[in-house]
Amino acid sequence: MKQKILDVAAKLILQYGLKKFTVDEIASELRISKKTIYQYFNSKDDIIREYFEVSIATDKDSMTSVVAGNKDFSYKIHAIVYSSHRYRLPVSLLMEAKQFYPEVWSKIEELKQFKLNATKKLLEQGVKEGIIKSEMHFGVLSKMIEKISDMFTDYDFLLENKLNTREAIDEALKIIFNGILKI
């Protein structure tokens, strides 16, 4: 039942946002009482925390299994960036979490750092395997990747440039791996 409640909450969160969905709507959709929901979750905030915890945990699991596998470098980089998670995390939800749920936002920041660390390891491995130029300054490249990752949650930047998150990621990866010169 807990999973069903969370699945319905996820649908409502995507539809209305973190602040506007209600426990009443979850109960109504599942045809259960609010009391039943509160047997599994202490509050609406508890549901929101669980939503993000599940998303973050499944994201890490997805990414870790691909990076540990036998796929090529490019596939692994994309797996870090595009790792899948049980529930969608659109930029609007991330911004809402940042504004209203600092505890959740700190977990999102931890996920970002986890992904940055995995990227750095993968890049170092790429140098060892001769896939990436060894003369690359890792401090600069790491800082670039860190700053670029902030861009993916910058809603104003995405709107201003008429990009969705995936398009921004694709463009950033293209620039990093192909450069800007026409040589």
C-alpha atoms as a PDB file:
ATOM      1  CA  MET A   1       0.000   0.000   0.000  1.00  0.00           C
ATOM      2  CA  LYS A   2       2.863   2.381   0.817  1.00  0.00           C
ATOM      3  CA  GLN A   3       4.159   2.069  -2.735  1.00  0.00           C
ATOM      4  CA  LYS A   4       0.699   2.696  -4.200  1.00  0.00           C
ATOM      5  CA  ILE A   5       0.338   5.822  -2.092  1.00  0.00           C
ATOM      6  CA  LEU A   6       3.735   7.051  -3.227  1.00  0.00           C
ATOM      7  CA  ASP A   7       2.993   6.285  -6.879  1.00  0.00           C
ATOM      8  CA  VAL A   8      -0.232   8.298  -6.767  1.00  0.00           C
ATOM      9  CA  ALA A   9       1.534  11.088  -4.873  1.00  0.00           C
ATOM     10  CA  ALA A  10       4.216  11.129  -7.590  1.00  0.00           C
ATOM     11  CA  LYS A  11       1.588  11.564 -10.278  1.00  0.00           C
ATOM     12  CA  LEU A  12      -0.049  14.393  -8.342  1.00  0.00           C
ATOM     13  CA  ILE A  13       3.298  16.041  -7.564  1.00  0.00           C
ATOM     14  CA  LEU A  14       4.124  16.113 -11.265  1.00  0.00           C
ATOM     15  CA  GLN A  15       0.690  17.493 -12.055  1.00  0.00           C
ATOM     16  CA  TYR A  16       0.393  20.131  -9.302  1.00  0.00           C
ATOM     17  CA  GLY A  17       3.827  20.608  -7.755  1.00  0.00           C
ATOM     18  CA  LEU A  18       5.042  19.953  -4.239  1.00  0.00           C
ATOM     19  CA  LYS A  19       2.975  22.585  -2.459  1.00  0.00           C
ATOM     20  CA  LYS A  20      -0.331  22.195  -4.303  1.00  0.00           C
ATOM     21  CA  PHE A  21      -1.043  18.463  -4.237  1.00  0.00           C
ATOM     22  CA  THR A  22      -3.059  17.265  -1.252  1.00  0.00           C
ATOM     23  CA  VAL A  23      -3.321  14.146   0.865  1.00  0.00           C
ATOM     24  CA  ASP A  24      -7.085  14.307   0.220  1.00  0.00           C
ATOM     25  CA  GLU A  25      -6.412  13.869  -3.509  1.00  0.00           C
ATOM     26  CA  ILE A  26      -4.250  10.815  -2.849  1.00  0.00           C
ATOM     27  CA  ALA A  27      -6.955   9.299  -0.634  1.00  0.00           C
ATOM     28  CA  SER A  28      -9.645  10.052  -3.182  1.00  0.00           C
ATOM     29  CA  GLU A  29      -7.728   8.551  -6.086  1.00  0.00           C
ATOM     30  CA  LEU A  30      -6.889   5.390  -4.141  1.00  0.00           C
ATOM     31  CA  ARG A  31     -10.344   5.236  -2.535  1.00  0.00           C
ATOM     32  CA  ILE A  32      -8.867   4.957   0.907  1.00  0.00           C
ATOM     33  CA  SER A  33      -9.085   7.121   4.004  1.00  0.00           C
ATOM     34  CA  LYS A  34      -6.509   9.712   4.962  1.00  0.00           C
ATOM     35  CA  LYS A  35      -6.087   7.662   8.131  1.00  0.00           C
ATOM     36  CA  THR A  36      -4.780   4.793   5.998  1.00  0.00           C
ATOM     37  CA  ILE A  37      -2.251   7.128   4.358  1.00  0.00           C
ATOM     38  CA  TYR A  38      -1.111   8.332   7.776  1.00  0.00           C
ATOM     39  CA  GLN A  39      -0.432   4.732   8.797  1.00  0.00           C
ATOM     40  CA  TYR A  40       2.407   4.801   6.241  1.00  0.00           C
ATOM     41  CA  PHE A  41       3.423   8.467   6.232  1.00  0.00           C
ATOM     42  CA  ASN A  42       3.420  10.934   9.119  1.00  0.00           C
ATOM     43  CA  SER A  43       2.643  13.955   6.967  1.00  0.00           C
ATOM     44  CA  LYS A  44       2.529  15.381   3.459  1.00  0.00           C
ATOM     45  CA  ASP A  45       6.147  16.478   3.967  1.00  0.00           C
ATOM     46  CA  ASP A  46       7.012  12.868   4.785  1.00  0.00           C
ATOM     47  CA  ILE A  47       5.502  11.801   1.442  1.00  0.00           C
ATOM     48  CA  ILE A  48       7.562  14.466  -0.345  1.00  0.00           C
ATOM     49  CA  ARG A  49      10.761  13.358   1.405  1.00  0.00           C
ATOM     50  CA  GLU A  50      10.097   9.737   0.439  1.00  0.00           C
ATOM     51  CA  TYR A  51       9.380  10.772  -3.167  1.00  0.00           C
ATOM     52  CA  PHE A  52      12.820  12.372  -3.404  1.00  0.00           C
ATOM     53  CA  GLU A  53      14.586   9.627  -1.444  1.00  0.00           C
ATOM     54  CA  VAL A  54      13.266   6.970  -3.826  1.00  0.00           C
ATOM     55  CA  SER A  55      14.144   9.095  -6.863  1.00  0.00           C
ATOM     56  CA  ILE A  56      17.671   9.733  -5.618  1.00  0.00           C
ATOM     57  CA  ALA A  57      18.296   6.123  -4.555  1.00  0.00           C
ATOM     58  CA  THR A  58      17.094   4.678  -7.864  1.00  0.00           C
ATOM     59  CA  ASP A  59      19.110   7.309  -9.759  1.00  0.00           C
ATOM     60  CA  LYS A  60      22.299   6.304  -7.902  1.00  0.00           C
ATOM     61  CA  ASP A  61      21.584   2.590  -8.386  1.00  0.00           C
ATOM     62  CA  SER A  62      20.940   3.017 -12.113  1.00  0.00           C
ATOM     63  CA  MET A  63      24.065   5.071 -12.639  1.00  0.00           C
ATOM     64  CA  THR A  64      26.305   2.861 -10.512  1.00  0.00           C
ATOM     65  CA  SER A  65      25.289  -0.342 -12.294  1.00  0.00           C
ATOM     66  CA  VAL A  66      25.982   1.119 -15.748  1.00  0.00           C
ATOM     67  CA  VAL A  67      29.315   2.685 -14.749  1.00  0.00           C
ATOM     68  CA  ALA A  68      30.429  -0.628 -13.214  1.00  0.00           C
ATOM     69  CA  GLY A  69      29.436  -2.533 -16.364  1.00  0.00           C
ATOM     70  CA  ASN A  70      31.276  -3.221 -19.598  1.00  0.00           C
ATOM     71  CA  LYS A  71      29.800  -0.440 -21.756  1.00  0.00           C
ATOM     72  CA  ASP A  72      31.999   2.086 -23.558  1.00  0.00           C
ATOM     73  CA  PHE A  73      33.088   5.465 -22.180  1.00  0.00           C
ATOM     74  CA  SER A  74      30.482   7.541 -24.021  1.00  0.00           C
ATOM     75  CA  TYR A  75      27.647   5.293 -22.861  1.00  0.00           C
ATOM     76  CA  LYS A  76      28.844   5.546 -19.260  1.00  0.00           C
ATOM     77  CA  ILE A  77      29.057   9.355 -19.379  1.00  0.00           C
ATOM     78  CA  HIS A  78      25.494   9.494 -20.670  1.00  0.00           C
ATOM     79  CA  ALA A  79      24.418   7.039 -17.958  1.00  0.00           C
ATOM     80  CA  ILE A  80      25.740   9.400 -15.303  1.00  0.00           C
ATOM     81  CA  VAL A  81      23.965  12.381 -16.802  1.00  0.00           C
ATOM     82  CA  TYR A  82      20.764  10.619 -17.855  1.00  0.00           C
ATOM     83  CA  SER A  83      20.521   7.973 -15.160  1.00  0.00           C
ATOM     84  CA  SER A  84      16.988   6.828 -14.628  1.00  0.00           C
ATOM     85  CA  HIS A  85      14.993   7.042 -11.455  1.00  0.00           C
ATOM     86  CA  ARG A  86      11.619   5.801 -10.372  1.00  0.00           C
ATOM     87  CA  TYR A  87       9.998   9.242 -10.332  1.00  0.00           C
ATOM     88  CA  ARG A  88      10.644  12.168 -12.664  1.00  0.00           C
ATOM     89  CA  LEU A  89      12.410  15.220 -11.288  1.00  0.00           C
ATOM     90  CA  PRO A  90      11.668  18.113 -13.637  1.00  0.00           C
ATOM     91  CA  VAL A  91      13.457  21.415 -13.061  1.00  0.00           C
ATOM     92  CA  SER A  92      10.301  23.059 -11.716  1.00  0.00           C
ATOM     93  CA  LEU A  93      10.139  20.478  -8.900  1.00  0.00           C
ATOM     94  CA  LEU A  94      13.807  20.901  -8.139  1.00  0.00           C
ATOM     95  CA  MET A  95      13.335  24.660  -7.853  1.00  0.00           C
ATOM     96  CA  GLU A  96      10.345  24.151  -5.575  1.00  0.00           C
ATOM     97  CA  ALA A  97      12.374  21.755  -3.422  1.00  0.00           C
ATOM     98  CA  LYS A  98      15.212  24.274  -3.237  1.00  0.00           C
ATOM     99  CA  GLN A  99      12.835  27.010  -2.126  1.00  0.00           C
ATOM    100  CA  PHE A 100      10.597  25.141   0.323  1.00  0.00           C
ATOM    101  CA  TYR A 101      12.366  21.919   1.355  1.00  0.00           C
ATOM    102  CA  PRO A 102      16.015  22.609   2.314  1.00  0.00           C
ATOM    103  CA  GLU A 103      16.474  19.097   3.717  1.00  0.00           C
ATOM    104  CA  VAL A 104      15.403  17.589   0.391  1.00  0.00           C
ATOM    105  CA  TRP A 105      17.537  20.103  -1.517  1.00  0.00           C
ATOM    106  CA  SER A 106      20.625  19.048   0.442  1.00  0.00           C
ATOM    107  CA  LYS A 107      19.985  15.448  -0.680  1.00  0.00           C
ATOM    108  CA  ILE A 108      19.742  16.642  -4.285  1.00  0.00           C
ATOM    109  CA  GLU A 109      23.060  18.472  -3.833  1.00  0.00           C
ATOM    110  CA  GLU A 110      24.566  15.243  -2.450  1.00  0.00           C
ATOM    111  CA  LEU A 111      23.352  13.397  -5.556  1.00  0.00           C
ATOM    112  CA  LYS A 112      24.929  16.070  -7.743  1.00  0.00           C
ATOM    113  CA  GLN A 113      28.248  15.639  -5.898  1.00  0.00           C
ATOM    114  CA  PHE A 114      27.971  11.852  -6.211  1.00  0.00           C
ATOM    115  CA  LYS A 115      27.532  12.227  -9.976  1.00  0.00           C
ATOM    116  CA  LEU A 116      30.411  14.712 -10.231  1.00  0.00           C
ATOM    117  CA  ASN A 117      32.698  12.313  -8.377  1.00  0.00           C
ATOM    118  CA  ALA A 118      31.658   9.447 -10.656  1.00  0.00           C
ATOM    119  CA  THR A 119      32.295  11.667 -13.695  1.00  0.00           C
ATOM    120  CA  LYS A 120      35.774  12.602 -12.452  1.00  0.00           C
ATOM    121  CA  LYS A 121      36.643   8.930 -11.899  1.00  0.00           C
ATOM    122  CA  LEU A 122      35.374   8.061 -15.347  1.00  0.00           C
ATOM    123  CA  LEU A 123      37.387  10.878 -16.929  1.00  0.00           C
ATOM    124  CA  GLU A 124      40.536   9.709 -15.126  1.00  0.00           C
ATOM    125  CA  GLN A 125      39.861   6.210 -16.393  1.00  0.00           C
ATOM    126  CA  GLY A 126      39.420   7.671 -19.895  1.00  0.00           C
ATOM    127  CA  VAL A 127      42.880   9.241 -19.694  1.00  0.00           C
ATOM    128  CA  LYS A 128      44.411   5.939 -18.567  1.00  0.00           C
ATOM    129  CA  GLU A 129      42.720   4.149 -21.462  1.00  0.00           C
ATOM    130  CA  GLY A 130      43.847   6.792 -23.967  1.00  0.00           C
ATOM    131  CA  ILE A 131      40.301   7.950 -24.759  1.00  0.00           C
ATOM    132  CA  ILE A 132      40.840  11.436 -23.310  1.00  0.00           C
ATOM    133  CA  LYS A 133      43.848  13.683 -23.905  1.00  0.00           C
ATOM    134  CA  SER A 134      46.329  13.293 -21.067  1.00  0.00           C
ATOM    135  CA  GLU A 135      47.381  16.964 -21.248  1.00  0.00           C
ATOM    136  CA  MET A 136      43.877  17.960 -20.095  1.00  0.00           C
ATOM    137  CA  HIS A 137      43.961  19.989 -16.864  1.00  0.00           C
ATOM    138  CA  PHE A 138      41.659  18.003 -14.587  1.00  0.00           C
ATOM    139  CA  GLY A 139      41.139  20.853 -12.139  1.00  0.00           C
ATOM    140  CA  VAL A 140      39.753  23.080 -14.889  1.00  0.00           C
ATOM    141  CA  LEU A 141      37.715  20.297 -16.489  1.00  0.00           C
ATOM    142  CA  SER A 142      36.262  19.246 -13.132  1.00  0.00           C
ATOM    143  CA  LYS A 143      35.293  22.826 -12.294  1.00  0.00           C
ATOM    144  CA  MET A 144      33.692  23.242 -15.736  1.00  0.00           C
ATOM    145  CA  ILE A 145      31.642  20.106 -15.263  1.00  0.00           C
ATOM    146  CA  GLU A 146      30.590  21.229 -11.780  1.00  0.00           C
ATOM    147  CA  LYS A 147      29.454  24.632 -13.062  1.00  0.00           C
ATOM    148  CA  ILE A 148      27.737  23.104 -16.076  1.00  0.00           C
ATOM    149  CA  SER A 149      25.777  20.790 -13.783  1.00  0.00           C
ATOM    150  CA  ASP A 150      24.343  23.896 -12.057  1.00  0.00           C
ATOM    151  CA  MET A 151      23.044  25.061 -15.430  1.00  0.00           C
ATOM    152  CA  PHE A 152      20.726  22.058 -15.697  1.00  0.00           C
ATOM    153  CA  THR A 153      18.672  23.255 -12.737  1.00  0.00           C
ATOM    154  CA  ASP A 154      18.709  26.938 -13.686  1.00  0.00           C
ATOM    155  CA  TYR A 155      15.106  27.334 -14.798  1.00  0.00           C
ATOM    156  CA  ASP A 156      15.594  30.937 -15.954  1.00  0.00           C
ATOM    157  CA  PHE A 157      18.586  29.981 -18.106  1.00  0.00           C
ATOM    158  CA  LEU A 158      16.678  27.107 -19.695  1.00  0.00           C
ATOM    159  CA  LEU A 159      13.655  29.314 -20.456  1.00  0.00           C
ATOM    160  CA  GLU A 160      15.777  32.177 -21.754  1.00  0.00           C
ATOM    161  CA  ASN A 161      17.595  29.838 -24.152  1.00  0.00           C
ATOM    162  CA  LYS A 162      14.468  27.849 -25.068  1.00  0.00           C
ATOM    163  CA  LEU A 163      16.028  24.582 -23.905  1.00  0.00           C
ATOM    164  CA  ASN A 164      14.756  21.728 -21.850  1.00  0.00           C
ATOM    165  CA  THR A 165      17.123  19.991 -19.456  1.00  0.00           C
ATOM    166  CA  ARG A 166      17.985  17.184 -21.881  1.00  0.00           C
ATOM    167  CA  GLU A 167      18.807  19.631 -24.679  1.00  0.00           C
ATOM    168  CA  ALA A 168      21.038  21.675 -22.365  1.00  0.00           C
ATOM    169  CA  ILE A 169      22.859  18.525 -21.260  1.00  0.00           C
ATOM    170  CA  ASP A 170      23.334  17.384 -24.865  1.00  0.00           C
ATOM    171  CA  GLU A 171      24.734  20.781 -25.879  1.00  0.00           C
ATOM    172  CA  ALA A 172      27.107  20.904 -22.906  1.00  0.00           C
ATOM    173  CA  LEU A 173      28.410  17.387 -23.574  1.00  0.00           C
ATOM    174  CA  LYS A 174      28.830  18.183 -27.269  1.00  0.00           C
ATOM    175  CA  ILE A 175      30.930  21.249 -26.427  1.00  0.00           C
ATOM    176  CA  ILE A 176      33.030  19.388 -23.856  1.00  0.00           C
ATOM    177  CA  PHE A 177      33.745  16.392 -26.058  1.00  0.00           C
ATOM    178  CA  ASN A 178      33.882  18.042 -29.498  1.00  0.00           C
ATOM    179  CA  GLY A 179      35.143  21.513 -28.609  1.00  0.00           C
ATOM    180  CA  ILE A 180      34.186  24.710 -30.364  1.00  0.00           C
ATOM    181  CA  LEU A 181      36.739  24.914 -33.156  1.00  0.00           C
ATOM    182  CA  LYS A 182      36.004  23.727 -36.685  1.00  0.00           C
ATOM    183  CA  ILE A 183      39.357  22.020 -37.052  1.00  0.00           C
END
